[in-house]
Amino acid sequence: MPINAQPYGEIIKNLLGFDKHYKICRGGASNEEMVLQLQQLHNEVDPADDVTVIFFLTNPARTIYWPTTMSWNWENEDRKHWPTDAKNTIKEIFLHFHEHDMIRNSLCVSGLQNMCKSFQYKDYYFAGWVRYAEWLPCVDTSKIWNQGNETAADWFEATNHNGEHLLDVENNKYIRPNFAHPNQLGHELIAKKLAEWIKL
């Protein structure tokens, strides 16, 4: 984003008249990492503050449980010297792990919701690029924008993605000249939609 650009959280703070904005996130992080980020936030805010937390749900395939320096790809160049049975083991782990994305993410969001309830925070969730078609019953889907069936990418009319990045968005007015992430207009659109939802 340009130097003077405002992220959607800061815009929401101004639209709703909040006193402070805490941006606790890391590029490329997983939903599971937000549990640690929420704990960090809790350590920073005044216990007397009235806190509203907004969670951006990322690609459900991302995880905190896999080493960040290790590729999922069983055919990765780094493994060219591995025997076939070792590569097949990585492939089996990959397929097993991602067969359970819905369970992992449901338990993660349920945990976030219960932490927020315990901290007495108001919590809201919206999906970024990837739709969430199903949840375990432990998740309060009323706190998730359209239960996860509509994404910020839908708002941008940019629904072609590879899970990690939006595709074919070079001329999208909410993204250009950025690579697959919102520009100032995109941040303003996200903020407007979320602020109206929170007001309701």
N, C-alpha and C. Protein backbone atom coordinates (compact mmCIF):
# COMPACT_ATOMS: atom_id res chain seq x y z
N MET A 1 0.84 -1.19 0.00
CA MET A 1 0.00 0.00 0.00
C MET A 1 0.88 1.25 0.00
N PRO A 2 0.42 2.34 -0.62
CA PRO A 2 1.17 3.59 -0.58
C PRO A 2 1.40 4.06 0.87
N ILE A 3 2.37 4.92 1.07
CA ILE A 3 2.77 5.34 2.41
C ILE A 3 1.59 5.89 3.21
N ASN A 4 0.77 6.73 2.61
CA ASN A 4 -0.33 7.37 3.34
C ASN A 4 -1.63 6.58 3.29
N ALA A 5 -1.60 5.38 2.75
CA ALA A 5 -2.81 4.58 2.65
C ALA A 5 -3.22 4.05 4.02
N GLN A 6 -4.51 3.86 4.17
CA GLN A 6 -5.04 3.34 5.43
C GLN A 6 -5.55 1.92 5.24
N PRO A 7 -5.17 0.99 6.13
CA PRO A 7 -5.74 -0.35 6.06
C PRO A 7 -7.19 -0.32 6.53
N TYR A 8 -7.94 -1.36 6.16
CA TYR A 8 -9.38 -1.34 6.47
C TYR A 8 -9.66 -1.24 7.97
N GLY A 9 -8.78 -1.78 8.80
CA GLY A 9 -9.00 -1.69 10.25
C GLY A 9 -8.98 -0.27 10.75
N GLU A 10 -8.04 0.52 10.25
CA GLU A 10 -7.95 1.92 10.64
C GLU A 10 -9.17 2.70 10.15
N ILE A 11 -9.63 2.37 8.94
CA ILE A 11 -10.82 3.05 8.39
C ILE A 11 -12.04 2.70 9.23
N ILE A 12 -12.18 1.42 9.61
CA ILE A 12 -13.31 1.00 10.46
C ILE A 12 -13.27 1.74 11.79
N LYS A 13 -12.08 1.87 12.36
CA LYS A 13 -11.93 2.61 13.62
C LYS A 13 -12.52 4.01 13.49
N ASN A 14 -12.20 4.68 12.38
CA ASN A 14 -12.70 6.04 12.17
C ASN A 14 -14.19 6.07 11.88
N LEU A 15 -14.67 5.10 11.08
CA LEU A 15 -16.10 5.07 10.75
C LEU A 15 -16.97 4.83 11.98
N LEU A 16 -16.48 4.01 12.90
CA LEU A 16 -17.28 3.64 14.07
C LEU A 16 -16.94 4.45 15.31
N GLY A 17 -15.95 5.34 15.19
CA GLY A 17 -15.60 6.21 16.31
C GLY A 17 -14.87 5.49 17.43
N PHE A 18 -14.13 4.44 17.11
CA PHE A 18 -13.35 3.73 18.12
C PHE A 18 -12.12 4.57 18.49
N ASP A 19 -11.61 4.37 19.69
CA ASP A 19 -10.47 5.15 20.18
C ASP A 19 -9.14 4.66 19.63
N LYS A 20 -8.99 3.34 19.50
CA LYS A 20 -7.70 2.77 19.12
C LYS A 20 -7.90 1.69 18.06
N HIS A 21 -6.81 1.46 17.32
CA HIS A 21 -6.78 0.37 16.35
C HIS A 21 -5.50 -0.42 16.56
N TYR A 22 -5.64 -1.71 16.82
CA TYR A 22 -4.49 -2.61 16.95
C TYR A 22 -4.48 -3.51 15.72
N LYS A 23 -3.39 -3.49 15.01
CA LYS A 23 -3.25 -4.37 13.85
C LYS A 23 -2.25 -5.45 14.23
N ILE A 24 -2.77 -6.62 14.56
CA ILE A 24 -1.90 -7.72 14.98
C ILE A 24 -2.06 -8.84 13.96
N CYS A 25 -1.18 -8.85 13.00
CA CYS A 25 -1.25 -9.85 11.94
C CYS A 25 0.13 -10.03 11.34
N ARG A 26 0.25 -11.07 10.54
CA ARG A 26 1.51 -11.34 9.85
C ARG A 26 1.17 -11.89 8.48
N GLY A 27 1.81 -11.35 7.45
CA GLY A 27 1.57 -11.85 6.10
C GLY A 27 1.88 -13.33 5.99
N GLY A 28 1.00 -14.06 5.33
CA GLY A 28 1.20 -15.48 5.11
C GLY A 28 0.83 -16.35 6.29
N ALA A 29 0.24 -15.76 7.33
CA ALA A 29 -0.12 -16.53 8.52
C ALA A 29 -1.36 -17.38 8.27
N SER A 30 -1.63 -18.29 9.18
CA SER A 30 -2.79 -19.18 9.09
C SER A 30 -3.88 -18.71 10.05
N ASN A 31 -5.07 -19.26 9.88
CA ASN A 31 -6.14 -18.99 10.84
C ASN A 31 -5.73 -19.43 12.23
N GLU A 32 -5.04 -20.56 12.30
CA GLU A 32 -4.63 -21.09 13.61
C GLU A 32 -3.71 -20.13 14.35
N GLU A 33 -2.90 -19.38 13.60
CA GLU A 33 -1.99 -18.43 14.23
C GLU A 33 -2.74 -17.29 14.89
N MET A 34 -4.00 -17.05 14.47
CA MET A 34 -4.77 -15.96 15.06
C MET A 34 -5.07 -16.21 16.53
N VAL A 35 -5.01 -17.47 16.97
CA VAL A 35 -5.18 -17.76 18.39
C VAL A 35 -4.06 -17.09 19.18
N LEU A 36 -2.83 -17.20 18.69
CA LEU A 36 -1.69 -16.56 19.34
C LEU A 36 -1.79 -15.04 19.23
N GLN A 37 -2.26 -14.56 18.08
CA GLN A 37 -2.40 -13.11 17.89
C GLN A 37 -3.46 -12.53 18.83
N LEU A 38 -4.54 -13.29 19.04
CA LEU A 38 -5.59 -12.83 19.96
C LEU A 38 -5.04 -12.78 21.38
N GLN A 39 -4.24 -13.76 21.76
CA GLN A 39 -3.64 -13.73 23.09
C GLN A 39 -2.70 -12.54 23.22
N GLN A 40 -1.95 -12.24 22.16
CA GLN A 40 -1.06 -11.06 22.16
C GLN A 40 -1.87 -9.79 22.35
N LEU A 41 -2.99 -9.67 21.61
CA LEU A 41 -3.86 -8.51 21.75
C LEU A 41 -4.35 -8.38 23.18
N HIS A 42 -4.77 -9.49 23.75
CA HIS A 42 -5.30 -9.48 25.12
C HIS A 42 -4.26 -8.98 26.11
N ASN A 43 -3.00 -9.27 25.84
CA ASN A 43 -1.92 -8.81 26.72
C ASN A 43 -1.64 -7.33 26.56
N GLU A 44 -2.10 -6.72 25.45
CA GLU A 44 -1.80 -5.32 25.16
C GLU A 44 -2.93 -4.36 25.53
N VAL A 45 -4.18 -4.82 25.50
CA VAL A 45 -5.30 -3.90 25.73
C VAL A 45 -5.57 -3.73 27.22
N ASP A 46 -6.18 -2.61 27.53
CA ASP A 46 -6.61 -2.35 28.90
C ASP A 46 -7.82 -3.23 29.20
N PRO A 47 -7.82 -3.94 30.32
CA PRO A 47 -8.96 -4.81 30.65
C PRO A 47 -10.30 -4.07 30.70
N ALA A 48 -10.26 -2.77 30.93
CA ALA A 48 -11.50 -1.99 31.00
C ALA A 48 -12.01 -1.57 29.63
N ASP A 49 -11.21 -1.79 28.58
CA ASP A 49 -11.60 -1.36 27.23
C ASP A 49 -12.74 -2.20 26.68
N ASP A 50 -13.58 -1.56 25.88
CA ASP A 50 -14.62 -2.25 25.12
C ASP A 50 -13.98 -2.63 23.78
N VAL A 51 -13.73 -3.91 23.56
CA VAL A 51 -12.91 -4.36 22.44
C VAL A 51 -13.76 -5.07 21.37
N THR A 52 -13.56 -4.67 20.12
CA THR A 52 -14.13 -5.34 18.96
C THR A 52 -12.99 -5.91 18.15
N VAL A 53 -13.09 -7.20 17.80
CA VAL A 53 -12.02 -7.87 17.07
C VAL A 53 -12.57 -8.35 15.73
N ILE A 54 -11.82 -8.10 14.65
CA ILE A 54 -12.20 -8.56 13.32
C ILE A 54 -11.14 -9.54 12.83
N PHE A 55 -11.59 -10.74 12.44
CA PHE A 55 -10.70 -11.79 11.99
C PHE A 55 -10.88 -12.00 10.48
N PHE A 56 -9.77 -11.93 9.76
CA PHE A 56 -9.74 -12.20 8.32
C PHE A 56 -9.41 -13.68 8.15
N LEU A 57 -10.37 -14.47 7.66
CA LEU A 57 -10.15 -15.90 7.46
C LEU A 57 -9.39 -16.13 6.16
N THR A 58 -8.23 -16.71 6.26
CA THR A 58 -7.37 -16.90 5.11
C THR A 58 -7.60 -18.29 4.50
N ASN A 59 -6.73 -18.68 3.60
CA ASN A 59 -6.81 -19.99 2.96
C ASN A 59 -6.84 -21.08 4.03
N PRO A 60 -7.90 -21.89 4.10
CA PRO A 60 -7.99 -22.91 5.15
C PRO A 60 -6.90 -23.96 5.08
N ALA A 61 -6.21 -24.05 3.95
CA ALA A 61 -5.13 -25.02 3.82
C ALA A 61 -3.89 -24.60 4.60
N ARG A 62 -3.76 -23.31 4.89
CA ARG A 62 -2.60 -22.86 5.67
C ARG A 62 -2.68 -23.43 7.08
N THR A 63 -1.52 -23.66 7.67
CA THR A 63 -1.51 -24.22 9.02
C THR A 63 -0.30 -23.75 9.80
N ILE A 64 -0.47 -23.72 11.09
CA ILE A 64 0.63 -23.38 11.99
C ILE A 64 1.46 -24.61 12.32
N TYR A 65 0.92 -25.77 11.95
CA TYR A 65 1.52 -27.03 12.39
C TYR A 65 2.56 -27.60 11.44
N TRP A 66 2.79 -26.95 10.32
CA TRP A 66 3.76 -27.47 9.35
C TRP A 66 4.95 -26.51 9.33
N PRO A 67 6.18 -27.01 9.33
CA PRO A 67 7.35 -26.10 9.34
C PRO A 67 7.31 -25.13 8.16
N THR A 68 7.50 -23.85 8.45
CA THR A 68 7.38 -22.82 7.41
C THR A 68 8.47 -22.95 6.35
N THR A 69 9.58 -23.59 6.68
CA THR A 69 10.67 -23.72 5.72
C THR A 69 10.58 -25.00 4.89
N MET A 70 9.54 -25.80 5.14
CA MET A 70 9.44 -27.10 4.47
C MET A 70 8.27 -27.10 3.48
N SER A 71 8.55 -27.38 2.25
CA SER A 71 7.51 -27.39 1.22
C SER A 71 6.59 -28.59 1.39
N TRP A 72 5.29 -28.38 1.05
CA TRP A 72 4.33 -29.49 0.99
C TRP A 72 4.60 -30.38 -0.22
N ASN A 73 5.23 -29.82 -1.23
CA ASN A 73 5.34 -30.49 -2.52
C ASN A 73 6.29 -31.69 -2.43
N TRP A 74 5.73 -32.87 -2.61
CA TRP A 74 6.55 -34.09 -2.51
C TRP A 74 7.52 -34.22 -3.68
N GLU A 75 7.30 -33.47 -4.77
CA GLU A 75 8.21 -33.48 -5.92
C GLU A 75 9.15 -32.28 -5.90
N ASN A 76 9.22 -31.58 -4.77
CA ASN A 76 10.06 -30.40 -4.65
C ASN A 76 11.51 -30.71 -4.99
N GLU A 77 12.18 -29.72 -5.57
CA GLU A 77 13.59 -29.87 -5.97
C GLU A 77 14.47 -30.31 -4.79
N ASP A 78 14.12 -29.83 -3.59
CA ASP A 78 14.91 -30.19 -2.41
C ASP A 78 14.84 -31.68 -2.08
N ARG A 79 13.83 -32.34 -2.65
CA ARG A 79 13.65 -33.76 -2.35
C ARG A 79 14.03 -34.66 -3.52
N LYS A 80 14.71 -34.10 -4.51
CA LYS A 80 15.02 -34.90 -5.69
C LYS A 80 15.91 -36.10 -5.36
N HIS A 81 16.68 -36.00 -4.27
CA HIS A 81 17.55 -37.11 -3.88
C HIS A 81 16.85 -38.11 -2.97
N TRP A 82 15.58 -37.80 -2.59
CA TRP A 82 14.85 -38.71 -1.70
C TRP A 82 14.41 -39.96 -2.46
N PRO A 83 14.36 -41.10 -1.78
CA PRO A 83 13.80 -42.30 -2.43
C PRO A 83 12.29 -42.14 -2.61
N THR A 84 11.74 -42.90 -3.53
CA THR A 84 10.31 -42.80 -3.87
C THR A 84 9.42 -43.03 -2.65
N ASP A 85 9.75 -43.98 -1.80
CA ASP A 85 8.87 -44.27 -0.67
C ASP A 85 8.82 -43.09 0.31
N ALA A 86 9.91 -42.34 0.44
CA ALA A 86 9.90 -41.16 1.31
C ALA A 86 9.01 -40.07 0.71
N LYS A 87 9.10 -39.85 -0.60
CA LYS A 87 8.23 -38.88 -1.27
C LYS A 87 6.76 -39.27 -1.13
N ASN A 88 6.49 -40.56 -1.25
CA ASN A 88 5.11 -41.04 -1.12
C ASN A 88 4.58 -40.81 0.30
N THR A 89 5.46 -40.88 1.29
CA THR A 89 5.05 -40.62 2.67
C THR A 89 4.63 -39.18 2.84
N ILE A 90 5.42 -38.23 2.28
CA ILE A 90 5.05 -36.82 2.34
C ILE A 90 3.72 -36.59 1.64
N LYS A 91 3.53 -37.21 0.50
CA LYS A 91 2.28 -37.08 -0.25
C LYS A 91 1.10 -37.58 0.58
N GLU A 92 1.28 -38.70 1.25
CA GLU A 92 0.21 -39.27 2.07
C GLU A 92 -0.13 -38.35 3.23
N ILE A 93 0.91 -37.79 3.87
CA ILE A 93 0.67 -36.84 4.98
C ILE A 93 -0.07 -35.61 4.47
N PHE A 94 0.36 -35.08 3.33
CA PHE A 94 -0.28 -33.90 2.75
C PHE A 94 -1.77 -34.15 2.50
N LEU A 95 -2.08 -35.25 1.83
CA LEU A 95 -3.46 -35.53 1.49
C LEU A 95 -4.31 -35.78 2.73
N HIS A 96 -3.75 -36.46 3.72
CA HIS A 96 -4.47 -36.72 4.96
C HIS A 96 -4.73 -35.41 5.70
N PHE A 97 -3.69 -34.56 5.78
CA PHE A 97 -3.80 -33.31 6.52
C PHE A 97 -4.87 -32.42 5.92
N HIS A 98 -4.88 -32.28 4.59
CA HIS A 98 -5.82 -31.37 3.96
C HIS A 98 -7.21 -31.96 3.78
N GLU A 99 -7.33 -33.22 3.99
CA GLU A 99 -8.67 -33.82 4.01
C GLU A 99 -9.46 -33.32 5.22
N HIS A 100 -8.73 -32.79 6.21
CA HIS A 100 -9.35 -32.36 7.45
C HIS A 100 -9.29 -30.84 7.66
N ASP A 101 -9.19 -30.07 6.58
CA ASP A 101 -9.14 -28.61 6.69
C ASP A 101 -10.36 -28.06 7.41
N MET A 102 -11.54 -28.58 7.08
CA MET A 102 -12.77 -28.08 7.68
C MET A 102 -12.76 -28.29 9.19
N ILE A 103 -12.28 -29.44 9.63
CA ILE A 103 -12.23 -29.72 11.06
C ILE A 103 -11.24 -28.79 11.75
N ARG A 104 -10.04 -28.66 11.18
CA ARG A 104 -9.03 -27.79 11.79
C ARG A 104 -9.52 -26.36 11.91
N ASN A 105 -10.12 -25.84 10.83
CA ASN A 105 -10.55 -24.44 10.84
C ASN A 105 -11.78 -24.22 11.71
N SER A 106 -12.67 -25.19 11.76
CA SER A 106 -13.82 -25.07 12.65
C SER A 106 -13.39 -25.03 14.10
N LEU A 107 -12.47 -25.91 14.48
CA LEU A 107 -11.99 -25.92 15.85
C LEU A 107 -11.23 -24.64 16.18
N CYS A 108 -10.49 -24.13 15.21
CA CYS A 108 -9.77 -22.87 15.40
C CYS A 108 -10.74 -21.72 15.63
N VAL A 109 -11.73 -21.57 14.76
CA VAL A 109 -12.69 -20.47 14.90
C VAL A 109 -13.52 -20.63 16.17
N SER A 110 -13.89 -21.85 16.50
CA SER A 110 -14.61 -22.10 17.75
C SER A 110 -13.75 -21.66 18.94
N GLY A 111 -12.46 -21.97 18.88
CA GLY A 111 -11.55 -21.54 19.95
C GLY A 111 -11.46 -20.03 20.05
N LEU A 112 -11.36 -19.35 18.89
CA LEU A 112 -11.32 -17.89 18.88
C LEU A 112 -12.60 -17.31 19.47
N GLN A 113 -13.74 -17.89 19.09
CA GLN A 113 -15.01 -17.39 19.59
C GLN A 113 -15.12 -17.56 21.10
N ASN A 114 -14.65 -18.68 21.60
CA ASN A 114 -14.71 -18.92 23.04
C ASN A 114 -13.73 -18.03 23.80
N MET A 115 -12.56 -17.78 23.21
CA MET A 115 -11.62 -16.85 23.84
C MET A 115 -12.22 -15.45 23.91
N CYS A 116 -12.84 -15.01 22.81
CA CYS A 116 -13.46 -13.69 22.78
C CYS A 116 -14.59 -13.59 23.81
N LYS A 117 -15.35 -14.66 23.93
CA LYS A 117 -16.44 -14.67 24.93
C LYS A 117 -15.85 -14.55 26.33
N SER A 118 -14.78 -15.27 26.58
CA SER A 118 -14.12 -15.22 27.89
C SER A 118 -13.54 -13.83 28.17
N PHE A 119 -12.97 -13.19 27.13
CA PHE A 119 -12.38 -11.86 27.29
C PHE A 119 -13.44 -10.75 27.23
N GLN A 120 -14.68 -11.12 26.87
CA GLN A 120 -15.79 -10.17 26.67
C GLN A 120 -15.50 -9.22 25.51
N TYR A 121 -14.96 -9.80 24.42
CA TYR A 121 -14.73 -9.05 23.19
C TYR A 121 -15.87 -9.33 22.21
N LYS A 122 -16.20 -8.34 21.40
CA LYS A 122 -17.13 -8.55 20.29
C LYS A 122 -16.29 -9.04 19.11
N ASP A 123 -16.67 -10.17 18.52
CA ASP A 123 -15.84 -10.75 17.46
C ASP A 123 -16.63 -10.94 16.18
N TYR A 124 -15.95 -10.63 15.06
CA TYR A 124 -16.52 -10.72 13.72
C TYR A 124 -15.49 -11.38 12.81
N TYR A 125 -15.99 -12.15 11.81
CA TYR A 125 -15.12 -12.93 10.94
C TYR A 125 -15.58 -12.76 9.49
N PHE A 126 -14.61 -12.66 8.57
CA PHE A 126 -14.98 -12.66 7.15
C PHE A 126 -13.90 -13.39 6.38
N ALA A 127 -14.32 -14.05 5.31
CA ALA A 127 -13.40 -14.82 4.47
C ALA A 127 -12.75 -13.91 3.45
N GLY A 128 -11.46 -14.14 3.21
CA GLY A 128 -10.72 -13.32 2.26
C GLY A 128 -10.95 -13.73 0.83
N TRP A 129 -10.29 -14.81 0.39
CA TRP A 129 -10.40 -15.24 -1.00
C TRP A 129 -11.14 -16.57 -1.14
N VAL A 130 -11.08 -17.39 -0.09
CA VAL A 130 -11.58 -18.77 -0.18
C VAL A 130 -12.88 -18.89 0.61
N ARG A 131 -13.92 -19.42 -0.02
CA ARG A 131 -15.19 -19.63 0.66
C ARG A 131 -15.10 -20.81 1.64
N TYR A 132 -15.86 -20.71 2.69
CA TYR A 132 -15.96 -21.77 3.69
C TYR A 132 -17.36 -22.37 3.60
N ALA A 133 -17.45 -23.54 2.99
CA ALA A 133 -18.76 -24.12 2.68
C ALA A 133 -19.38 -24.86 3.86
N GLU A 134 -18.57 -25.34 4.79
CA GLU A 134 -19.13 -26.09 5.91
C GLU A 134 -18.35 -25.84 7.19
N TRP A 135 -19.07 -25.97 8.30
CA TRP A 135 -18.51 -25.76 9.62
C TRP A 135 -19.01 -26.86 10.55
N LEU A 136 -18.23 -27.15 11.58
CA LEU A 136 -18.72 -28.02 12.65
C LEU A 136 -19.77 -27.25 13.45
N PRO A 137 -20.69 -27.97 14.11
CA PRO A 137 -21.76 -27.28 14.86
C PRO A 137 -21.26 -26.40 16.01
N CYS A 138 -20.01 -26.56 16.42
CA CYS A 138 -19.48 -25.75 17.53
C CYS A 138 -19.23 -24.30 17.13
N VAL A 139 -19.27 -23.99 15.84
CA VAL A 139 -18.98 -22.63 15.36
C VAL A 139 -20.28 -21.83 15.29
N ASP A 140 -20.24 -20.62 15.85
CA ASP A 140 -21.37 -19.69 15.74
C ASP A 140 -21.23 -18.96 14.41
N THR A 141 -21.89 -19.46 13.39
CA THR A 141 -21.74 -18.90 12.04
C THR A 141 -22.41 -17.54 11.90
N SER A 142 -23.23 -17.12 12.87
CA SER A 142 -23.84 -15.79 12.80
C SER A 142 -22.79 -14.70 12.94
N LYS A 143 -21.61 -15.07 13.45
CA LYS A 143 -20.52 -14.10 13.62
C LYS A 143 -19.63 -14.04 12.38
N ILE A 144 -19.93 -14.88 11.37
CA ILE A 144 -19.12 -14.95 10.15
C ILE A 144 -19.93 -14.36 9.00
N TRP A 145 -19.32 -13.43 8.26
CA TRP A 145 -20.03 -12.79 7.15
C TRP A 145 -20.58 -13.88 6.21
N ASN A 146 -21.92 -13.89 6.06
CA ASN A 146 -22.61 -14.84 5.18
C ASN A 146 -22.12 -16.28 5.41
N GLN A 147 -21.85 -16.60 6.67
CA GLN A 147 -21.42 -17.94 7.09
C GLN A 147 -20.17 -18.42 6.35
N GLY A 148 -19.42 -17.51 5.76
CA GLY A 148 -18.21 -17.88 5.04
C GLY A 148 -18.45 -18.21 3.57
N ASN A 149 -19.70 -18.08 3.11
CA ASN A 149 -20.03 -18.40 1.72
C ASN A 149 -19.81 -17.24 0.76
N GLU A 150 -19.44 -16.09 1.30
CA GLU A 150 -19.14 -14.91 0.47
C GLU A 150 -17.83 -14.33 0.96
N THR A 151 -16.97 -13.91 0.05
CA THR A 151 -15.64 -13.45 0.42
C THR A 151 -15.42 -11.99 0.04
N ALA A 152 -14.31 -11.44 0.54
CA ALA A 152 -13.92 -10.10 0.11
C ALA A 152 -13.65 -10.09 -1.38
N ALA A 153 -13.13 -11.19 -1.90
CA ALA A 153 -12.89 -11.29 -3.35
C ALA A 153 -14.20 -11.17 -4.12
N ASP A 154 -15.28 -11.71 -3.57
CA ASP A 154 -16.60 -11.54 -4.20
C ASP A 154 -16.97 -10.06 -4.26
N TRP A 155 -16.66 -9.33 -3.21
CA TRP A 155 -16.97 -7.89 -3.19
C TRP A 155 -16.19 -7.17 -4.29
N PHE A 156 -14.99 -7.67 -4.58
CA PHE A 156 -14.15 -7.06 -5.62
C PHE A 156 -14.49 -7.57 -7.02
N GLU A 157 -15.41 -8.54 -7.09
CA GLU A 157 -15.69 -9.25 -8.35
C GLU A 157 -14.40 -9.84 -8.90
N ALA A 158 -13.67 -10.49 -8.01
CA ALA A 158 -12.37 -11.09 -8.36
C ALA A 158 -12.30 -12.47 -7.71
N THR A 159 -13.08 -13.40 -8.21
CA THR A 159 -13.22 -14.68 -7.54
C THR A 159 -12.28 -15.77 -8.05
N ASN A 160 -11.46 -15.46 -9.04
CA ASN A 160 -10.53 -16.45 -9.55
C ASN A 160 -9.27 -16.43 -8.68
N HIS A 161 -8.96 -17.54 -8.04
CA HIS A 161 -7.80 -17.57 -7.15
C HIS A 161 -7.20 -18.96 -7.14
N ASN A 162 -6.00 -19.05 -6.60
CA ASN A 162 -5.35 -20.34 -6.45
C ASN A 162 -5.24 -20.74 -4.98
N GLY A 163 -6.08 -20.14 -4.16
CA GLY A 163 -6.04 -20.38 -2.72
C GLY A 163 -5.18 -19.36 -2.01
N GLU A 164 -4.01 -19.11 -2.55
CA GLU A 164 -3.08 -18.16 -1.95
C GLU A 164 -3.23 -16.76 -2.51
N HIS A 165 -3.50 -16.65 -3.80
CA HIS A 165 -3.52 -15.34 -4.45
C HIS A 165 -4.72 -15.23 -5.40
N LEU A 166 -5.22 -14.00 -5.52
CA LEU A 166 -6.23 -13.72 -6.54
C LEU A 166 -5.55 -13.71 -7.90
N LEU A 167 -6.25 -14.20 -8.91
CA LEU A 167 -5.71 -14.28 -10.26
C LEU A 167 -6.50 -13.37 -11.20
N ASP A 168 -5.88 -12.97 -12.28
CA ASP A 168 -6.52 -12.15 -13.32
C ASP A 168 -7.07 -10.83 -12.76
N VAL A 169 -6.30 -10.18 -11.89
CA VAL A 169 -6.78 -8.96 -11.25
C VAL A 169 -5.93 -7.73 -11.62
N GLU A 170 -5.14 -7.86 -12.69
CA GLU A 170 -4.25 -6.76 -13.06
C GLU A 170 -5.01 -5.46 -13.30
N ASN A 171 -6.23 -5.55 -13.79
CA ASN A 171 -7.02 -4.35 -14.10
C ASN A 171 -8.20 -4.15 -13.15
N ASN A 172 -8.22 -4.90 -12.05
CA ASN A 172 -9.32 -4.76 -11.09
C ASN A 172 -9.15 -3.46 -10.30
N LYS A 173 -10.19 -2.64 -10.28
CA LYS A 173 -10.07 -1.31 -9.67
C LYS A 173 -9.82 -1.37 -8.17
N TYR A 174 -10.15 -2.48 -7.53
CA TYR A 174 -9.94 -2.60 -6.10
C TYR A 174 -8.56 -3.16 -5.75
N ILE A 175 -7.78 -3.54 -6.77
CA ILE A 175 -6.50 -4.19 -6.52
C ILE A 175 -5.34 -3.50 -7.23
N ARG A 176 -5.50 -3.14 -8.50
CA ARG A 176 -4.37 -2.57 -9.24
C ARG A 176 -3.80 -1.34 -8.53
N PRO A 177 -2.53 -1.10 -8.53
CA PRO A 177 -1.48 -1.86 -9.20
C PRO A 177 -0.87 -2.96 -8.31
N ASN A 178 -1.54 -3.31 -7.22
CA ASN A 178 -1.00 -4.31 -6.31
C ASN A 178 -1.05 -5.70 -6.92
N PHE A 179 -0.33 -6.60 -6.31
CA PHE A 179 -0.38 -8.00 -6.72
C PHE A 179 -1.29 -8.75 -5.77
N ALA A 180 -2.54 -8.98 -6.17
CA ALA A 180 -3.47 -9.87 -5.48
C ALA A 180 -3.91 -9.40 -4.10
N HIS A 181 -3.63 -8.17 -3.73
CA HIS A 181 -4.09 -7.65 -2.45
C HIS A 181 -4.75 -6.30 -2.69
N PRO A 182 -5.70 -5.92 -1.83
CA PRO A 182 -6.46 -4.70 -2.09
C PRO A 182 -5.63 -3.43 -2.06
N ASN A 183 -6.02 -2.49 -2.94
CA ASN A 183 -5.44 -1.15 -2.90
C ASN A 183 -6.28 -0.32 -1.94
N GLN A 184 -6.08 1.00 -1.94
CA GLN A 184 -6.83 1.84 -1.00
C GLN A 184 -8.33 1.73 -1.22
N LEU A 185 -8.76 1.70 -2.48
CA LEU A 185 -10.19 1.57 -2.78
C LEU A 185 -10.72 0.24 -2.25
N GLY A 186 -9.93 -0.82 -2.37
CA GLY A 186 -10.33 -2.12 -1.85
C GLY A 186 -10.45 -2.12 -0.34
N HIS A 187 -9.50 -1.49 0.34
CA HIS A 187 -9.56 -1.39 1.80
C HIS A 187 -10.79 -0.59 2.24
N GLU A 188 -11.10 0.45 1.49
CA GLU A 188 -12.27 1.27 1.81
C GLU A 188 -13.56 0.46 1.65
N LEU A 189 -13.62 -0.38 0.61
CA LEU A 189 -14.81 -1.21 0.40
C LEU A 189 -14.96 -2.22 1.53
N ILE A 190 -13.87 -2.89 1.89
CA ILE A 190 -13.92 -3.84 3.01
C ILE A 190 -14.39 -3.13 4.27
N ALA A 191 -13.82 -1.98 4.56
CA ALA A 191 -14.16 -1.23 5.77
C ALA A 191 -15.64 -0.84 5.78
N LYS A 192 -16.13 -0.35 4.65
CA LYS A 192 -17.52 0.08 4.57
C LYS A 192 -18.48 -1.07 4.86
N LYS A 193 -18.22 -2.22 4.22
CA LYS A 193 -19.10 -3.37 4.41
C LYS A 193 -19.05 -3.87 5.86
N LEU A 194 -17.86 -3.98 6.41
CA LEU A 194 -17.73 -4.49 7.77
C LEU A 194 -18.28 -3.52 8.79
N ALA A 195 -18.06 -2.22 8.60
CA ALA A 195 -18.57 -1.22 9.53
C ALA A 195 -20.09 -1.24 9.57
N GLU A 196 -20.72 -1.35 8.39
CA GLU A 196 -22.18 -1.41 8.34
C GLU A 196 -22.69 -2.65 9.04
N TRP A 197 -22.00 -3.77 8.85
CA TRP A 197 -22.38 -5.04 9.49
C TRP A 197 -22.26 -4.93 11.01
N ILE A 198 -21.16 -4.36 11.49
CA ILE A 198 -20.93 -4.22 12.93
C ILE A 198 -21.97 -3.30 13.54
N LYS A 199 -22.33 -2.24 12.82
CA LYS A 199 -23.34 -1.30 13.34
C LYS A 199 -24.68 -1.99 13.55
N LEU A 200 -24.99 -2.96 12.69
CA LEU A 200 -26.26 -3.67 12.81
C LEU A 200 -26.30 -4.56 14.05
